[in-house]
């Protein structure tokens, strides 16, 4: 009988522990749903108070690409009630890093004085050969 009670108590404790474990909830958001589903990604994923924004890319001249990419990133952030002030991490992939650096003033127009942690990487190629720039972001929702 005591063994049975101990087993029941142990099972209750374990089941209570398992149900108390935090459940990870991710929410997927699309900008261009058909294209994103065809390729197989979400434009943004919210996990708790963090928004992970997939890379936004553009081709053409670097100055035009910088304006296009950051403008579209701003739209993704706005759709979630955020702005560049909420961005805590940025990763830049450029096919010509010197050209990106030469256009960093355009980037500053979007961030102002609220700068994120950042990594800038030169790559040989992006998803489409015509792309010259791709930027991904991590942003935090205010608690």
C-alpha atoms as a PDB file:
ATOM      1  CA  UNK A   1       0.000   0.000   0.000  1.00  0.00           C
ATOM      2  CA  UNK A   2       2.802   2.431   0.931  1.00  0.00           C
ATOM      3  CA  UNK A   3       4.549   1.633  -2.336  1.00  0.00           C
ATOM      4  CA  UNK A   4       1.370   2.449  -4.236  1.00  0.00           C
ATOM      5  CA  UNK A   5       1.010   5.821  -2.449  1.00  0.00           C
ATOM      6  CA  UNK A   6       4.651   6.669  -3.082  1.00  0.00           C
ATOM      7  CA  UNK A   7       4.210   5.844  -6.792  1.00  0.00           C
ATOM      8  CA  UNK A   8       1.047   7.956  -7.035  1.00  0.00           C
ATOM      9  CA  UNK A   9       2.771  10.858  -5.238  1.00  0.00           C
ATOM     10  CA  UNK A  10       5.803  10.579  -7.523  1.00  0.00           C
ATOM     11  CA  UNK A  11       3.606  10.550 -10.647  1.00  0.00           C
ATOM     12  CA  UNK A  12       1.645  13.547  -9.401  1.00  0.00           C
ATOM     13  CA  UNK A  13       4.835  15.447  -8.701  1.00  0.00           C
ATOM     14  CA  UNK A  14       6.282  14.619 -12.140  1.00  0.00           C
ATOM     15  CA  UNK A  15       3.060  15.467 -13.989  1.00  0.00           C
ATOM     16  CA  UNK A  16       2.812  18.751 -12.073  1.00  0.00           C
ATOM     17  CA  UNK A  17       6.418  19.534 -12.956  1.00  0.00           C
ATOM     18  CA  UNK A  18       5.870  18.762 -16.630  1.00  0.00           C
ATOM     19  CA  UNK A  19       2.721  20.866 -16.869  1.00  0.00           C
ATOM     20  CA  UNK A  20       4.473  23.746 -15.101  1.00  0.00           C
ATOM     21  CA  UNK A  21       7.280  23.804 -17.679  1.00  0.00           C
ATOM     22  CA  UNK A  22       7.043  26.873 -19.907  1.00  0.00           C
ATOM     23  CA  UNK A  23       5.538  26.254 -23.311  1.00  0.00           C
ATOM     24  CA  UNK A  24       7.409  27.835 -26.214  1.00  0.00           C
ATOM     25  CA  UNK A  25       5.010  29.731 -28.454  1.00  0.00           C
ATOM     26  CA  UNK A  26       6.170  31.101 -31.772  1.00  0.00           C
ATOM     27  CA  UNK A  27       4.026  33.272 -34.010  1.00  0.00           C
ATOM     28  CA  UNK A  28       4.839  33.487 -37.713  1.00  0.00           C
ATOM     29  CA  UNK A  29       4.161  36.708 -39.643  1.00  0.00           C
ATOM     30  CA  UNK A  30       4.297  37.094 -43.421  1.00  0.00           C
ATOM     31  CA  UNK A  31       4.832  40.157 -45.616  1.00  0.00           C
ATOM     32  CA  UNK A  32       4.478  38.289 -48.923  1.00  0.00           C
ATOM     33  CA  UNK A  33       2.807  35.106 -47.748  1.00  0.00           C
ATOM     34  CA  UNK A  34       2.686  33.150 -51.021  1.00  0.00           C
ATOM     35  CA  UNK A  35       6.362  33.740 -51.851  1.00  0.00           C
ATOM     36  CA  UNK A  36       7.512  33.157 -48.260  1.00  0.00           C
ATOM     37  CA  UNK A  37       5.593  29.881 -48.000  1.00  0.00           C
ATOM     38  CA  UNK A  38       6.930  28.772 -51.397  1.00  0.00           C
ATOM     39  CA  UNK A  39      10.524  29.390 -50.259  1.00  0.00           C
ATOM     40  CA  UNK A  40       9.776  28.149 -46.729  1.00  0.00           C
ATOM     41  CA  UNK A  41      10.173  30.926 -44.160  1.00  0.00           C
ATOM     42  CA  UNK A  42       8.354  33.543 -42.097  1.00  0.00           C
ATOM     43  CA  UNK A  43       9.240  37.207 -42.586  1.00  0.00           C
ATOM     44  CA  UNK A  44       9.159  37.556 -38.817  1.00  0.00           C
ATOM     45  CA  UNK A  45       8.742  35.215 -35.862  1.00  0.00           C
ATOM     46  CA  UNK A  46       7.718  36.378 -32.414  1.00  0.00           C
ATOM     47  CA  UNK A  47       8.959  34.286 -29.523  1.00  0.00           C
ATOM     48  CA  UNK A  48       8.009  35.773 -26.171  1.00  0.00           C
ATOM     49  CA  UNK A  49       9.092  39.421 -26.170  1.00  0.00           C
ATOM     50  CA  UNK A  50      11.514  38.953 -29.056  1.00  0.00           C
ATOM     51  CA  UNK A  51      10.852  39.499 -32.752  1.00  0.00           C
ATOM     52  CA  UNK A  52      13.235  37.778 -35.172  1.00  0.00           C
ATOM     53  CA  UNK A  53      13.054  39.388 -38.610  1.00  0.00           C
ATOM     54  CA  UNK A  54      14.265  37.337 -41.571  1.00  0.00           C
ATOM     55  CA  UNK A  55      16.685  38.926 -43.982  1.00  0.00           C
ATOM     56  CA  UNK A  56      15.287  41.551 -46.333  1.00  0.00           C
ATOM     57  CA  UNK A  57      17.292  41.842 -49.550  1.00  0.00           C
ATOM     58  CA  UNK A  58      17.587  44.174 -52.534  1.00  0.00           C
ATOM     59  CA  UNK A  59      19.632  44.598 -55.677  1.00  0.00           C
ATOM     60  CA  UNK A  60      20.786  47.531 -57.753  1.00  0.00           C
ATOM     61  CA  UNK A  61      23.169  50.202 -56.569  1.00  0.00           C
ATOM     62  CA  UNK A  62      24.156  49.947 -52.922  1.00  0.00           C
ATOM     63  CA  UNK A  63      22.602  53.294 -51.969  1.00  0.00           C
ATOM     64  CA  UNK A  64      19.262  52.254 -53.508  1.00  0.00           C
ATOM     65  CA  UNK A  65      19.528  48.810 -51.878  1.00  0.00           C
ATOM     66  CA  UNK A  66      20.207  50.325 -48.436  1.00  0.00           C
ATOM     67  CA  UNK A  67      17.151  52.606 -48.708  1.00  0.00           C
ATOM     68  CA  UNK A  68      14.969  49.772 -49.988  1.00  0.00           C
ATOM     69  CA  UNK A  69      16.056  47.209 -47.388  1.00  0.00           C
ATOM     70  CA  UNK A  70      15.803  49.505 -44.363  1.00  0.00           C
ATOM     71  CA  UNK A  71      12.515  50.953 -45.611  1.00  0.00           C
ATOM     72  CA  UNK A  72      11.010  47.474 -45.892  1.00  0.00           C
ATOM     73  CA  UNK A  73      12.453  46.457 -42.513  1.00  0.00           C
ATOM     74  CA  UNK A  74      10.752  49.522 -41.054  1.00  0.00           C
ATOM     75  CA  UNK A  75       7.439  48.294 -42.509  1.00  0.00           C
ATOM     76  CA  UNK A  76       7.913  44.857 -40.913  1.00  0.00           C
ATOM     77  CA  UNK A  77       8.696  46.461 -37.550  1.00  0.00           C
ATOM     78  CA  UNK A  78       5.717  48.864 -37.816  1.00  0.00           C
ATOM     79  CA  UNK A  79       3.358  45.982 -38.595  1.00  0.00           C
ATOM     80  CA  UNK A  80       4.340  44.560 -35.192  1.00  0.00           C
ATOM     81  CA  UNK A  81       4.006  47.900 -33.372  1.00  0.00           C
ATOM     82  CA  UNK A  82       7.787  48.386 -33.211  1.00  0.00           C
ATOM     83  CA  UNK A  83      10.375  50.762 -34.646  1.00  0.00           C
ATOM     84  CA  UNK A  84      14.126  50.794 -35.177  1.00  0.00           C
ATOM     85  CA  UNK A  85      14.413  51.963 -31.550  1.00  0.00           C
ATOM     86  CA  UNK A  86      13.351  48.416 -30.545  1.00  0.00           C
ATOM     87  CA  UNK A  87      16.079  46.717 -32.590  1.00  0.00           C
ATOM     88  CA  UNK A  88      18.759  45.121 -30.410  1.00  0.00           C
ATOM     89  CA  UNK A  89      20.699  43.125 -33.028  1.00  0.00           C
ATOM     90  CA  UNK A  90      21.394  43.573 -36.733  1.00  0.00           C
ATOM     91  CA  UNK A  91      23.268  41.347 -39.168  1.00  0.00           C
ATOM     92  CA  UNK A  92      24.226  42.784 -42.553  1.00  0.00           C
ATOM     93  CA  UNK A  93      25.275  40.631 -45.505  1.00  0.00           C
ATOM     94  CA  UNK A  94      26.706  42.631 -48.410  1.00  0.00           C
ATOM     95  CA  UNK A  95      28.360  41.537 -51.629  1.00  0.00           C
ATOM     96  CA  UNK A  96      30.520  44.681 -51.428  1.00  0.00           C
ATOM     97  CA  UNK A  97      31.084  45.678 -47.807  1.00  0.00           C
ATOM     98  CA  UNK A  98      33.034  48.815 -48.780  1.00  0.00           C
ATOM     99  CA  UNK A  99      30.009  50.038 -50.760  1.00  0.00           C
ATOM    100  CA  UNK A 100      27.748  49.374 -47.754  1.00  0.00           C
ATOM    101  CA  UNK A 101      30.128  51.239 -45.433  1.00  0.00           C
ATOM    102  CA  UNK A 102      30.179  54.160 -47.879  1.00  0.00           C
ATOM    103  CA  UNK A 103      26.378  54.360 -47.485  1.00  0.00           C
ATOM    104  CA  UNK A 104      26.197  53.974 -43.696  1.00  0.00           C
ATOM    105  CA  UNK A 105      24.750  57.495 -43.375  1.00  0.00           C
ATOM    106  CA  UNK A 106      21.552  56.194 -44.992  1.00  0.00           C
ATOM    107  CA  UNK A 107      21.396  53.462 -42.337  1.00  0.00           C
ATOM    108  CA  UNK A 108      21.773  56.114 -39.618  1.00  0.00           C
ATOM    109  CA  UNK A 109      18.668  57.900 -40.970  1.00  0.00           C
ATOM    110  CA  UNK A 110      16.624  54.883 -39.892  1.00  0.00           C
ATOM    111  CA  UNK A 111      18.259  54.233 -36.512  1.00  0.00           C
ATOM    112  CA  UNK A 112      18.943  57.775 -35.373  1.00  0.00           C
ATOM    113  CA  UNK A 113      20.738  57.586 -32.038  1.00  0.00           C
ATOM    114  CA  UNK A 114      19.281  54.201 -30.995  1.00  0.00           C
ATOM    115  CA  UNK A 115      21.925  51.842 -32.389  1.00  0.00           C
ATOM    116  CA  UNK A 116      21.824  48.026 -32.102  1.00  0.00           C
ATOM    117  CA  UNK A 117      24.581  45.492 -31.697  1.00  0.00           C
ATOM    118  CA  UNK A 118      25.655  44.721 -35.249  1.00  0.00           C
ATOM    119  CA  UNK A 119      27.722  42.446 -37.452  1.00  0.00           C
ATOM    120  CA  UNK A 120      28.546  43.330 -41.047  1.00  0.00           C
ATOM    121  CA  UNK A 121      29.724  40.505 -43.286  1.00  0.00           C
ATOM    122  CA  UNK A 122      30.819  40.439 -46.916  1.00  0.00           C
ATOM    123  CA  UNK A 123      29.455  37.455 -48.842  1.00  0.00           C
ATOM    124  CA  UNK A 124      30.068  36.110 -52.315  1.00  0.00           C
ATOM    125  CA  UNK A 125      26.377  35.805 -53.188  1.00  0.00           C
ATOM    126  CA  UNK A 126      22.872  36.238 -51.743  1.00  0.00           C
ATOM    127  CA  UNK A 127      19.630  34.314 -52.491  1.00  0.00           C
ATOM    128  CA  UNK A 128      19.340  35.887 -55.948  1.00  0.00           C
ATOM    129  CA  UNK A 129      22.527  36.762 -57.833  1.00  0.00           C
ATOM    130  CA  UNK A 130      21.193  40.295 -58.437  1.00  0.00           C
ATOM    131  CA  UNK A 131      20.933  41.042 -54.700  1.00  0.00           C
ATOM    132  CA  UNK A 132      23.708  43.170 -53.201  1.00  0.00           C
ATOM    133  CA  UNK A 133      22.426  43.545 -49.624  1.00  0.00           C
ATOM    134  CA  UNK A 134      20.486  41.545 -47.044  1.00  0.00           C
ATOM    135  CA  UNK A 135      19.780  42.616 -43.461  1.00  0.00           C
ATOM    136  CA  UNK A 136      18.182  40.624 -40.635  1.00  0.00           C
ATOM    137  CA  UNK A 137      17.101  42.041 -37.291  1.00  0.00           C
ATOM    138  CA  UNK A 138      16.209  41.072 -33.748  1.00  0.00           C
ATOM    139  CA  UNK A 139      13.905  43.427 -31.889  1.00  0.00           C
ATOM    140  CA  UNK A 140      12.442  43.440 -28.370  1.00  0.00           C
ATOM    141  CA  UNK A 141       8.877  44.251 -27.392  1.00  0.00           C
ATOM    142  CA  UNK A 142       8.541  46.465 -24.333  1.00  0.00           C
ATOM    143  CA  UNK A 143       7.312  44.553 -21.314  1.00  0.00           C
END
